[in-house]
Amino acid sequence: MTADTAYPVTPRNRVKRLHERASYDRAAVHAVLDAAMLCHVAYVIDGQPYATPTLFWRRGDTLYWHGSSASRMLRHLKAGTPACLTVAHLDGLVLARSGFNHSANYRSAMCFGTARLVEDPEEKIEAMRDVVDRFYPGRSALLRPLTTQEAKATTIIEMPIEEAAAKVRAKGVGDDEDDFALPIWAGVIPVTTVLGAAETCPRLVDGVGKPQTLSIFPEGGRLDAALREGQRLYEEP
């Protein structure tokens, strides 16, 4: 890894437990982030810690999220404050021959930075389009324009990633050697989030079909794969 391909490793983001599962490589961190739509943002207000779930998206090395202008979190972050954004995917249930060795397969990412309000009006409107196009490529061009009131009611926060780490477990049962002889079932139960069939709005105007751009969300497909494809299309020039 080089400074160009990896985030700096500091006491803040260095993985201390099971460090062999860690990666500071930008591509590894981005892969975990891009397969997700929901994150948790942690911060402190007057000594009280909070962790808020929210939708987020990535543009390069900057993370964005948005919400109501009345949000306590967003009001607090306007001036710029340290924040930590985390994402986790559950990929498998690992059942061992002892309770101690039960585990889970997962992908996770933890990103640190200083979160700030996006104040430039044009940048804010662009970000409001981005939150649609990142997940549903090209969709904002099909929608009615944003209204002044909608823009006023929405706050956009950006956080350049200063430090980050990914941590992944993707393996089988890790029993003690002596326990393999025990007559106890052990194994891995895979976990995935699968897309269902689209449910068309009953008030759809006659003759309106589902756009081809939504083909990245096929019935029976994996959500994380669809989100990664959406990020790829979003990043295309």
Protein backbone atom coordinates (compact mmCIF):
# COMPACT_ATOMS: atom_id res chain seq x y z
CA MET A 1 0.00 0.00 0.00
CA THR A 2 1.09 3.58 -0.66
CA ALA A 3 -0.13 6.98 0.51
CA ASP A 4 -2.08 7.20 -2.75
CA THR A 5 -3.87 3.88 -2.32
CA ALA A 6 -4.34 3.70 1.46
CA TYR A 7 -5.64 5.90 4.24
CA PRO A 8 -3.07 6.89 6.88
CA VAL A 9 -2.88 4.58 9.89
CA THR A 10 -3.06 6.44 13.21
CA PRO A 11 -4.00 5.54 16.78
CA ARG A 12 -7.55 6.65 15.90
CA ASN A 13 -8.21 4.16 13.09
CA ARG A 14 -5.70 1.38 13.79
CA VAL A 15 -7.55 -1.92 14.33
CA LYS A 16 -6.28 -3.41 17.58
CA ARG A 17 -8.28 -6.64 17.92
CA LEU A 18 -7.90 -9.28 15.19
CA HIS A 19 -5.82 -6.81 13.22
CA GLU A 20 -5.21 -9.41 10.50
CA ARG A 21 -8.79 -8.79 9.34
CA ALA A 22 -8.13 -5.08 8.84
CA SER A 23 -7.35 -3.13 5.70
CA TYR A 24 -6.60 0.57 5.28
CA ASP A 25 -6.60 0.34 1.51
CA ARG A 26 -8.91 2.89 -0.10
CA ALA A 27 -10.39 0.32 -2.47
CA ALA A 28 -11.21 -2.05 0.41
CA VAL A 29 -12.85 0.70 2.47
CA HIS A 30 -14.79 2.03 -0.51
CA ALA A 31 -16.03 -1.47 -1.41
CA VAL A 32 -17.70 -1.78 2.00
CA LEU A 33 -19.14 1.74 1.86
CA ASP A 34 -20.42 1.42 -1.70
CA ALA A 35 -22.36 -1.78 -0.95
CA ALA A 36 -24.43 0.09 1.64
CA MET A 37 -27.19 2.69 1.71
CA LEU A 38 -27.55 3.08 5.46
CA CYS A 39 -24.84 4.15 7.90
CA HIS A 40 -24.53 5.32 11.49
CA VAL A 41 -22.92 8.68 12.26
CA ALA A 42 -21.51 9.07 15.78
CA TYR A 43 -20.67 12.40 17.43
CA VAL A 44 -20.77 14.06 20.84
CA ILE A 45 -23.01 16.91 22.01
CA ASP A 46 -22.23 18.44 25.40
CA GLY A 47 -20.47 15.27 26.54
CA GLN A 48 -23.34 12.99 25.49
CA PRO A 49 -22.56 10.51 22.67
CA TYR A 50 -25.11 9.95 19.91
CA ALA A 51 -25.21 7.51 17.00
CA THR A 52 -27.70 8.40 14.28
CA PRO A 53 -28.75 6.13 11.39
CA THR A 54 -29.03 7.91 8.05
CA LEU A 55 -28.68 7.42 4.30
CA PHE A 56 -25.28 8.39 2.92
CA TRP A 57 -23.28 8.41 -0.29
CA ARG A 58 -19.65 8.74 -1.37
CA ARG A 59 -18.01 10.97 -3.95
CA GLY A 60 -14.31 10.25 -4.11
CA ASP A 61 -12.89 10.53 -0.59
CA THR A 62 -15.82 12.59 0.70
CA LEU A 63 -18.94 11.21 2.40
CA TYR A 64 -22.28 13.01 2.34
CA TRP A 65 -25.54 12.64 4.21
CA HIS A 66 -28.66 14.75 4.52
CA GLY A 67 -31.73 15.26 6.61
CA SER A 68 -34.23 17.77 7.93
CA SER A 69 -32.97 21.24 8.78
CA ALA A 70 -34.58 20.74 12.20
CA SER A 71 -32.40 17.71 13.01
CA ARG A 72 -30.38 17.96 16.21
CA MET A 73 -27.48 16.14 14.58
CA LEU A 74 -27.40 18.38 11.55
CA ARG A 75 -27.69 21.59 13.58
CA HIS A 76 -24.75 20.44 15.68
CA LEU A 77 -22.58 19.55 12.69
CA LYS A 78 -23.07 22.86 10.88
CA ALA A 79 -20.04 24.48 12.50
CA GLY A 80 -17.80 21.49 11.81
CA THR A 81 -17.22 18.79 14.38
CA PRO A 82 -15.37 15.46 14.63
CA ALA A 83 -17.55 12.58 13.52
CA CYS A 84 -17.28 8.87 12.88
CA LEU A 85 -19.33 7.15 10.17
CA THR A 86 -19.69 3.37 10.23
CA VAL A 87 -21.17 0.75 7.92
CA ALA A 88 -21.59 -2.99 8.54
CA HIS A 89 -22.87 -5.92 6.47
CA LEU A 90 -23.84 -9.26 8.01
CA ASP A 91 -22.78 -12.01 5.57
CA GLY A 92 -23.07 -15.21 7.56
CA LEU A 93 -23.94 -16.88 10.87
CA VAL A 94 -21.01 -18.99 12.08
CA LEU A 95 -22.04 -21.83 14.40
CA ALA A 96 -19.22 -23.62 16.17
CA ARG A 97 -19.01 -26.54 18.62
CA SER A 98 -18.59 -24.19 21.57
CA GLY A 99 -20.36 -20.99 22.46
CA PHE A 100 -17.04 -19.19 22.67
CA ASN A 101 -16.20 -19.89 19.02
CA HIS A 102 -19.55 -18.84 17.55
CA SER A 103 -19.04 -15.87 15.28
CA ALA A 104 -20.32 -14.03 12.21
CA ASN A 105 -19.00 -13.27 8.76
CA TYR A 106 -19.17 -9.56 8.08
CA ARG A 107 -17.78 -6.56 6.23
CA SER A 108 -17.42 -3.28 8.08
CA ALA A 109 -15.88 0.15 7.61
CA MET A 110 -15.18 2.97 10.04
CA CYS A 111 -14.41 6.46 8.72
CA PHE A 112 -13.21 9.49 10.67
CA GLY A 113 -13.31 13.14 9.67
CA THR A 114 -14.68 16.59 10.37
CA ALA A 115 -18.28 16.97 9.27
CA ARG A 116 -19.39 20.34 7.93
CA LEU A 117 -22.48 21.92 6.43
CA VAL A 118 -22.61 22.30 2.65
CA GLU A 119 -23.44 26.00 2.38
CA ASP A 120 -22.93 26.87 -1.29
CA PRO A 121 -26.46 26.89 -2.85
CA GLU A 122 -25.38 25.33 -6.16
CA GLU A 123 -23.31 22.65 -4.41
CA LYS A 124 -26.28 21.89 -2.17
CA ILE A 125 -28.65 21.44 -5.13
CA GLU A 126 -26.07 19.23 -6.84
CA ALA A 127 -25.80 17.10 -3.69
CA MET A 128 -29.59 16.77 -3.53
CA ARG A 129 -29.53 15.42 -7.09
CA ASP A 130 -26.57 13.19 -6.24
CA VAL A 131 -28.39 11.42 -3.43
CA VAL A 132 -30.93 10.24 -6.04
CA ASP A 133 -28.49 9.50 -8.87
CA ARG A 134 -26.02 7.65 -6.69
CA PHE A 135 -28.63 5.01 -5.83
CA TYR A 136 -30.80 5.27 -8.97
CA PRO A 137 -28.44 6.25 -11.83
CA GLY A 138 -29.78 9.01 -14.08
CA ARG A 139 -33.10 9.26 -12.25
CA SER A 140 -32.89 12.94 -11.23
CA ALA A 141 -33.14 13.95 -14.92
CA LEU A 142 -36.55 12.22 -15.07
CA LEU A 143 -37.98 13.97 -12.02
CA ARG A 144 -39.66 17.34 -11.56
CA PRO A 145 -37.23 20.05 -10.43
CA LEU A 146 -36.56 20.56 -6.73
CA THR A 147 -38.54 23.39 -5.18
CA THR A 148 -37.08 26.25 -3.16
CA GLN A 149 -38.94 25.00 -0.09
CA GLU A 150 -37.55 21.48 -0.48
CA ALA A 151 -34.01 22.85 -0.69
CA LYS A 152 -34.62 25.08 2.34
CA ALA A 153 -35.96 22.17 4.37
CA THR A 154 -32.93 19.97 3.62
CA THR A 155 -29.48 20.18 5.15
CA ILE A 156 -26.49 18.51 3.48
CA ILE A 157 -23.41 17.49 5.46
CA GLU A 158 -20.06 16.56 3.94
CA MET A 159 -17.16 14.79 5.63
CA PRO A 160 -13.83 14.30 3.85
CA ILE A 161 -12.42 10.96 5.00
CA GLU A 162 -9.28 11.71 7.03
CA GLU A 163 -8.70 8.18 8.31
CA ALA A 164 -10.54 4.91 7.76
CA ALA A 165 -10.33 1.17 8.20
CA ALA A 166 -12.18 -1.82 6.80
CA LYS A 167 -12.52 -5.06 8.76
CA VAL A 168 -13.76 -8.29 7.22
CA ARG A 169 -14.39 -11.86 8.37
CA ALA A 170 -15.12 -14.26 5.51
CA LYS A 171 -14.28 -17.79 6.58
CA GLY A 172 -15.68 -20.94 8.14
CA VAL A 173 -15.86 -22.34 11.64
CA GLY A 174 -12.89 -21.65 13.89
CA ASP A 175 -13.24 -24.41 16.48
CA ASP A 176 -10.52 -25.62 18.85
CA GLU A 177 -8.76 -28.65 17.40
CA ASP A 178 -10.05 -31.04 20.09
CA ASP A 179 -13.65 -29.92 19.49
CA PHE A 180 -13.78 -31.14 15.88
CA ALA A 181 -14.32 -34.69 17.19
CA LEU A 182 -17.50 -33.70 19.08
CA PRO A 183 -20.87 -34.91 17.63
CA ILE A 184 -22.22 -31.36 17.29
CA TRP A 185 -23.41 -29.72 14.05
CA ALA A 186 -21.32 -26.75 13.02
CA GLY A 187 -21.22 -24.62 9.90
CA VAL A 188 -22.01 -21.29 8.28
CA ILE A 189 -25.48 -20.02 7.37
CA PRO A 190 -25.04 -17.38 4.63
CA VAL A 191 -26.99 -14.12 5.00
CA THR A 192 -27.93 -11.85 2.09
CA THR A 193 -30.45 -9.07 1.44
CA VAL A 194 -32.40 -10.05 -1.68
CA LEU A 195 -34.49 -7.71 -3.84
CA GLY A 196 -38.18 -8.46 -4.29
CA ALA A 197 -40.50 -7.75 -7.20
CA ALA A 198 -41.18 -4.05 -7.85
CA GLU A 199 -44.61 -2.89 -6.64
CA THR A 200 -45.93 -0.28 -9.06
CA CYS A 201 -47.69 2.76 -7.60
CA PRO A 202 -51.47 2.29 -8.14
CA ARG A 203 -51.77 5.94 -9.25
CA LEU A 204 -49.19 5.66 -12.03
CA VAL A 205 -50.15 7.52 -15.21
CA ASP A 206 -51.23 5.13 -17.97
CA GLY A 207 -48.47 4.10 -20.33
CA VAL A 208 -45.58 4.86 -17.96
CA GLY A 209 -43.17 1.96 -17.70
CA LYS A 210 -40.27 1.27 -15.37
CA PRO A 211 -37.11 2.90 -16.77
CA GLN A 212 -34.29 0.72 -18.01
CA THR A 213 -31.92 2.38 -15.53
CA LEU A 214 -33.64 0.45 -12.73
CA SER A 215 -32.50 -2.85 -14.24
CA ILE A 216 -29.68 -2.87 -11.69
CA PHE A 217 -32.39 -3.90 -9.17
CA PRO A 218 -33.57 -7.26 -10.58
CA GLU A 219 -36.02 -9.38 -8.64
CA GLY A 220 -33.98 -11.96 -6.74
CA GLY A 221 -30.76 -9.96 -7.06
CA ARG A 222 -28.55 -8.93 -4.17
CA LEU A 223 -28.96 -5.43 -2.79
CA ASP A 224 -25.25 -4.95 -2.11
CA ALA A 225 -24.41 -5.85 -5.71
CA ALA A 226 -27.02 -3.40 -7.02
CA LEU A 227 -25.65 -0.62 -4.83
CA ARG A 228 -22.07 -1.27 -5.98
CA GLU A 229 -23.22 -1.10 -9.61
CA GLY A 230 -25.07 2.12 -8.86
CA GLN A 231 -21.88 3.62 -7.43
CA ARG A 232 -19.93 2.55 -10.53
CA LEU A 233 -22.44 4.24 -12.83
CA TYR A 234 -22.55 7.31 -10.58
CA GLU A 235 -18.77 7.68 -10.85
CA GLU A 236 -18.74 7.39 -14.64
CA PRO A 237 -17.77 10.68 -16.36
